Amino acid sequence: MDSDGLLVGVAEYMKTSNTYYVQSVAVLPSARQSGVARDLLSYIATVANWEGVTTLEIKTIEETGNCKIFESLGFVVSSRIQSERFIGKQGQSIIEVRMKRDV
């Protein structure tokens, strides 16, 4: 929340074996680049640590440019595959990127 009590970011995650899979991270455009995503992922890492989970994992679409954002938050690319679920606006192939980070 910002200083006015406005919700500016959310994250959804779930536990899978010894990994927390971060399903989504969303931050209002007006609040981006202010540490909101970093704080959300830090909180998830703290909860994971309490439960003995050692890894956070996230997937993103390479063409969005989000890989660089997640790399700046400590994630590293563990795989890149051509998506079987998504296609680009002009029908082009899309690359799904799986990224991981130690807690």
C-alpha atoms as a PDB file:
ATOM      1  CA  MET A   1       0.000   0.000   0.000  1.00  0.00           C
ATOM      2  CA  ASP A   2       1.130   3.515  -0.640  1.00  0.00           C
ATOM      3  CA  SER A   3       0.983   6.404   1.821  1.00  0.00           C
ATOM      4  CA  ASP A   4      -2.688   6.992   0.906  1.00  0.00           C
ATOM      5  CA  GLY A   5      -3.631   3.376   1.654  1.00  0.00           C
ATOM      6  CA  LEU A   6      -3.966   2.482  -2.040  1.00  0.00           C
ATOM      7  CA  LEU A   7      -3.101  -1.096  -2.948  1.00  0.00           C
ATOM      8  CA  VAL A   8      -0.266  -0.802  -5.473  1.00  0.00           C
ATOM      9  CA  GLY A   9       0.930  -4.385  -5.893  1.00  0.00           C
ATOM     10  CA  VAL A  10      -0.042  -8.012  -5.450  1.00  0.00           C
ATOM     11  CA  ALA A  11       1.650 -11.378  -5.794  1.00  0.00           C
ATOM     12  CA  GLU A  12       0.260 -14.894  -5.922  1.00  0.00           C
ATOM     13  CA  TYR A  13       2.329 -17.937  -5.041  1.00  0.00           C
ATOM     14  CA  MET A  14       1.924 -21.596  -4.183  1.00  0.00           C
ATOM     15  CA  LYS A  15       4.091 -24.273  -2.664  1.00  0.00           C
ATOM     16  CA  THR A  16       5.167 -27.180  -4.863  1.00  0.00           C
ATOM     17  CA  SER A  17       7.450 -29.695  -3.105  1.00  0.00           C
ATOM     18  CA  ASN A  18      10.483 -27.645  -2.001  1.00  0.00           C
ATOM     19  CA  THR A  19       9.731 -24.646  -4.217  1.00  0.00           C
ATOM     20  CA  TYR A  20       7.456 -21.649  -4.016  1.00  0.00           C
ATOM     21  CA  TYR A  21       6.093 -21.008  -7.495  1.00  0.00           C
ATOM     22  CA  VAL A  22       5.317 -17.310  -7.947  1.00  0.00           C
ATOM     23  CA  GLN A  23       2.329 -17.382 -10.245  1.00  0.00           C
ATOM     24  CA  SER A  24       1.957 -13.648 -10.684  1.00  0.00           C
ATOM     25  CA  VAL A  25       3.363 -10.300  -9.632  1.00  0.00           C
ATOM     26  CA  ALA A  26       1.488  -7.149 -10.577  1.00  0.00           C
ATOM     27  CA  VAL A  27       2.330  -3.545  -9.742  1.00  0.00           C
ATOM     28  CA  LEU A  28       0.342  -0.455 -10.705  1.00  0.00           C
ATOM     29  CA  PRO A  29       2.134   1.461 -13.459  1.00  0.00           C
ATOM     30  CA  SER A  30       2.337   4.542 -11.234  1.00  0.00           C
ATOM     31  CA  ALA A  31       4.144   2.518  -8.529  1.00  0.00           C
ATOM     32  CA  ARG A  32       6.638   0.664 -10.745  1.00  0.00           C
ATOM     33  CA  GLN A  33      10.378   1.051 -10.171  1.00  0.00           C
ATOM     34  CA  SER A  34       9.772   1.953  -6.541  1.00  0.00           C
ATOM     35  CA  GLY A  35      10.622  -1.412  -4.946  1.00  0.00           C
ATOM     36  CA  VAL A  36       7.097  -2.842  -4.709  1.00  0.00           C
ATOM     37  CA  ALA A  37       7.894  -6.058  -6.625  1.00  0.00           C
ATOM     38  CA  ARG A  38      11.144  -6.418  -4.660  1.00  0.00           C
ATOM     39  CA  ASP A  39       9.232  -6.109  -1.375  1.00  0.00           C
ATOM     40  CA  LEU A  40       6.578  -8.614  -2.466  1.00  0.00           C
ATOM     41  CA  LEU A  41       9.181 -11.185  -3.508  1.00  0.00           C
ATOM     42  CA  SER A  42      11.171 -10.562  -0.335  1.00  0.00           C
ATOM     43  CA  TYR A  43       8.074 -11.295   1.724  1.00  0.00           C
ATOM     44  CA  ILE A  44       7.426 -14.515  -0.230  1.00  0.00           C
ATOM     45  CA  ALA A  45      11.060 -15.544   0.334  1.00  0.00           C
ATOM     46  CA  THR A  46      10.667 -14.902   4.063  1.00  0.00           C
ATOM     47  CA  VAL A  47       7.545 -17.069   4.253  1.00  0.00           C
ATOM     48  CA  ALA A  48       9.292 -19.758   2.200  1.00  0.00           C
ATOM     49  CA  ASN A  49      12.248 -19.677   4.575  1.00  0.00           C
ATOM     50  CA  TRP A  50       9.937 -20.118   7.582  1.00  0.00           C
ATOM     51  CA  GLU A  51       8.575 -23.257   5.928  1.00  0.00           C
ATOM     52  CA  GLY A  52      11.983 -24.631   4.956  1.00  0.00           C
ATOM     53  CA  VAL A  53      11.443 -24.004   1.248  1.00  0.00           C
ATOM     54  CA  THR A  54      14.722 -23.261  -0.516  1.00  0.00           C
ATOM     55  CA  THR A  55      13.744 -21.985  -3.974  1.00  0.00           C
ATOM     56  CA  LEU A  56      11.464 -19.442  -5.615  1.00  0.00           C
ATOM     57  CA  GLU A  57      10.474 -20.077  -9.221  1.00  0.00           C
ATOM     58  CA  ILE A  58       8.701 -17.857 -11.723  1.00  0.00           C
ATOM     59  CA  LYS A  59       7.841 -18.050 -15.419  1.00  0.00           C
ATOM     60  CA  THR A  60       7.648 -15.112 -17.764  1.00  0.00           C
ATOM     61  CA  ILE A  61       7.394 -14.408 -21.462  1.00  0.00           C
ATOM     62  CA  GLU A  62      10.750 -13.331 -22.885  1.00  0.00           C
ATOM     63  CA  GLU A  63       9.178 -10.829 -25.281  1.00  0.00           C
ATOM     64  CA  THR A  64       7.751  -8.760 -22.385  1.00  0.00           C
ATOM     65  CA  GLY A  65      11.210  -7.716 -21.226  1.00  0.00           C
ATOM     66  CA  ASN A  66      10.436  -8.943 -17.703  1.00  0.00           C
ATOM     67  CA  CYS A  67      13.462 -11.279 -17.606  1.00  0.00           C
ATOM     68  CA  LYS A  68      15.716  -8.304 -16.892  1.00  0.00           C
ATOM     69  CA  ILE A  69      13.466  -7.180 -14.068  1.00  0.00           C
ATOM     70  CA  PHE A  70      13.480 -10.616 -12.460  1.00  0.00           C
ATOM     71  CA  GLU A  71      17.244 -10.936 -12.962  1.00  0.00           C
ATOM     72  CA  SER A  72      17.664  -7.663 -11.042  1.00  0.00           C
ATOM     73  CA  LEU A  73      15.627  -9.302  -8.252  1.00  0.00           C
ATOM     74  CA  GLY A  74      18.024 -12.240  -8.001  1.00  0.00           C
ATOM     75  CA  PHE A  75      16.434 -14.731 -10.407  1.00  0.00           C
ATOM     76  CA  VAL A  76      18.471 -16.656 -12.981  1.00  0.00           C
ATOM     77  CA  VAL A  77      17.196 -18.304 -16.143  1.00  0.00           C
ATOM     78  CA  SER A  78      16.855 -22.062 -15.759  1.00  0.00           C
ATOM     79  CA  SER A  79      15.163 -22.781 -19.103  1.00  0.00           C
ATOM     80  CA  ARG A  80      13.776 -21.204 -22.255  1.00  0.00           C
ATOM     81  CA  ILE A  81      11.220 -23.005 -24.389  1.00  0.00           C
ATOM     82  CA  GLN A  82       9.001 -22.137 -27.318  1.00  0.00           C
ATOM     83  CA  SER A  83       5.536 -21.724 -25.863  1.00  0.00           C
ATOM     84  CA  GLU A  84       2.871 -24.220 -26.779  1.00  0.00           C
ATOM     85  CA  ARG A  85       0.247 -22.073 -25.012  1.00  0.00           C
ATOM     86  CA  PHE A  86       0.911 -18.550 -26.305  1.00  0.00           C
ATOM     87  CA  ILE A  87       1.498 -16.850 -29.634  1.00  0.00           C
ATOM     88  CA  GLY A  88       2.378 -13.249 -30.480  1.00  0.00           C
ATOM     89  CA  LYS A  89       0.010 -10.663 -31.952  1.00  0.00           C
ATOM     90  CA  GLN A  90       1.119 -11.492 -35.490  1.00  0.00           C
ATOM     91  CA  GLY A  91       1.114 -15.251 -34.856  1.00  0.00           C
ATOM     92  CA  GLN A  92       4.832 -15.443 -34.116  1.00  0.00           C
ATOM     93  CA  SER A  93       6.406 -17.870 -31.650  1.00  0.00           C
ATOM     94  CA  ILE A  94       6.700 -16.797 -28.034  1.00  0.00           C
ATOM     95  CA  ILE A  95       9.432 -17.912 -25.635  1.00  0.00           C
ATOM     96  CA  GLU A  96       8.506 -18.953 -22.086  1.00  0.00           C
ATOM     97  CA  VAL A  97      11.330 -18.455 -19.602  1.00  0.00           C
ATOM     98  CA  ARG A  98      11.557 -20.309 -16.311  1.00  0.00           C
ATOM     99  CA  MET A  99      13.605 -18.503 -13.679  1.00  0.00           C
ATOM    100  CA  LYS A 100      14.729 -19.559 -10.202  1.00  0.00           C
ATOM    101  CA  ARG A 101      16.164 -17.919  -7.126  1.00  0.00           C
ATOM    102  CA  ASP A 102      17.445 -19.304  -3.859  1.00  0.00           C
ATOM    103  CA  VAL A 103      15.551 -18.138  -0.800  1.00  0.00           C
END
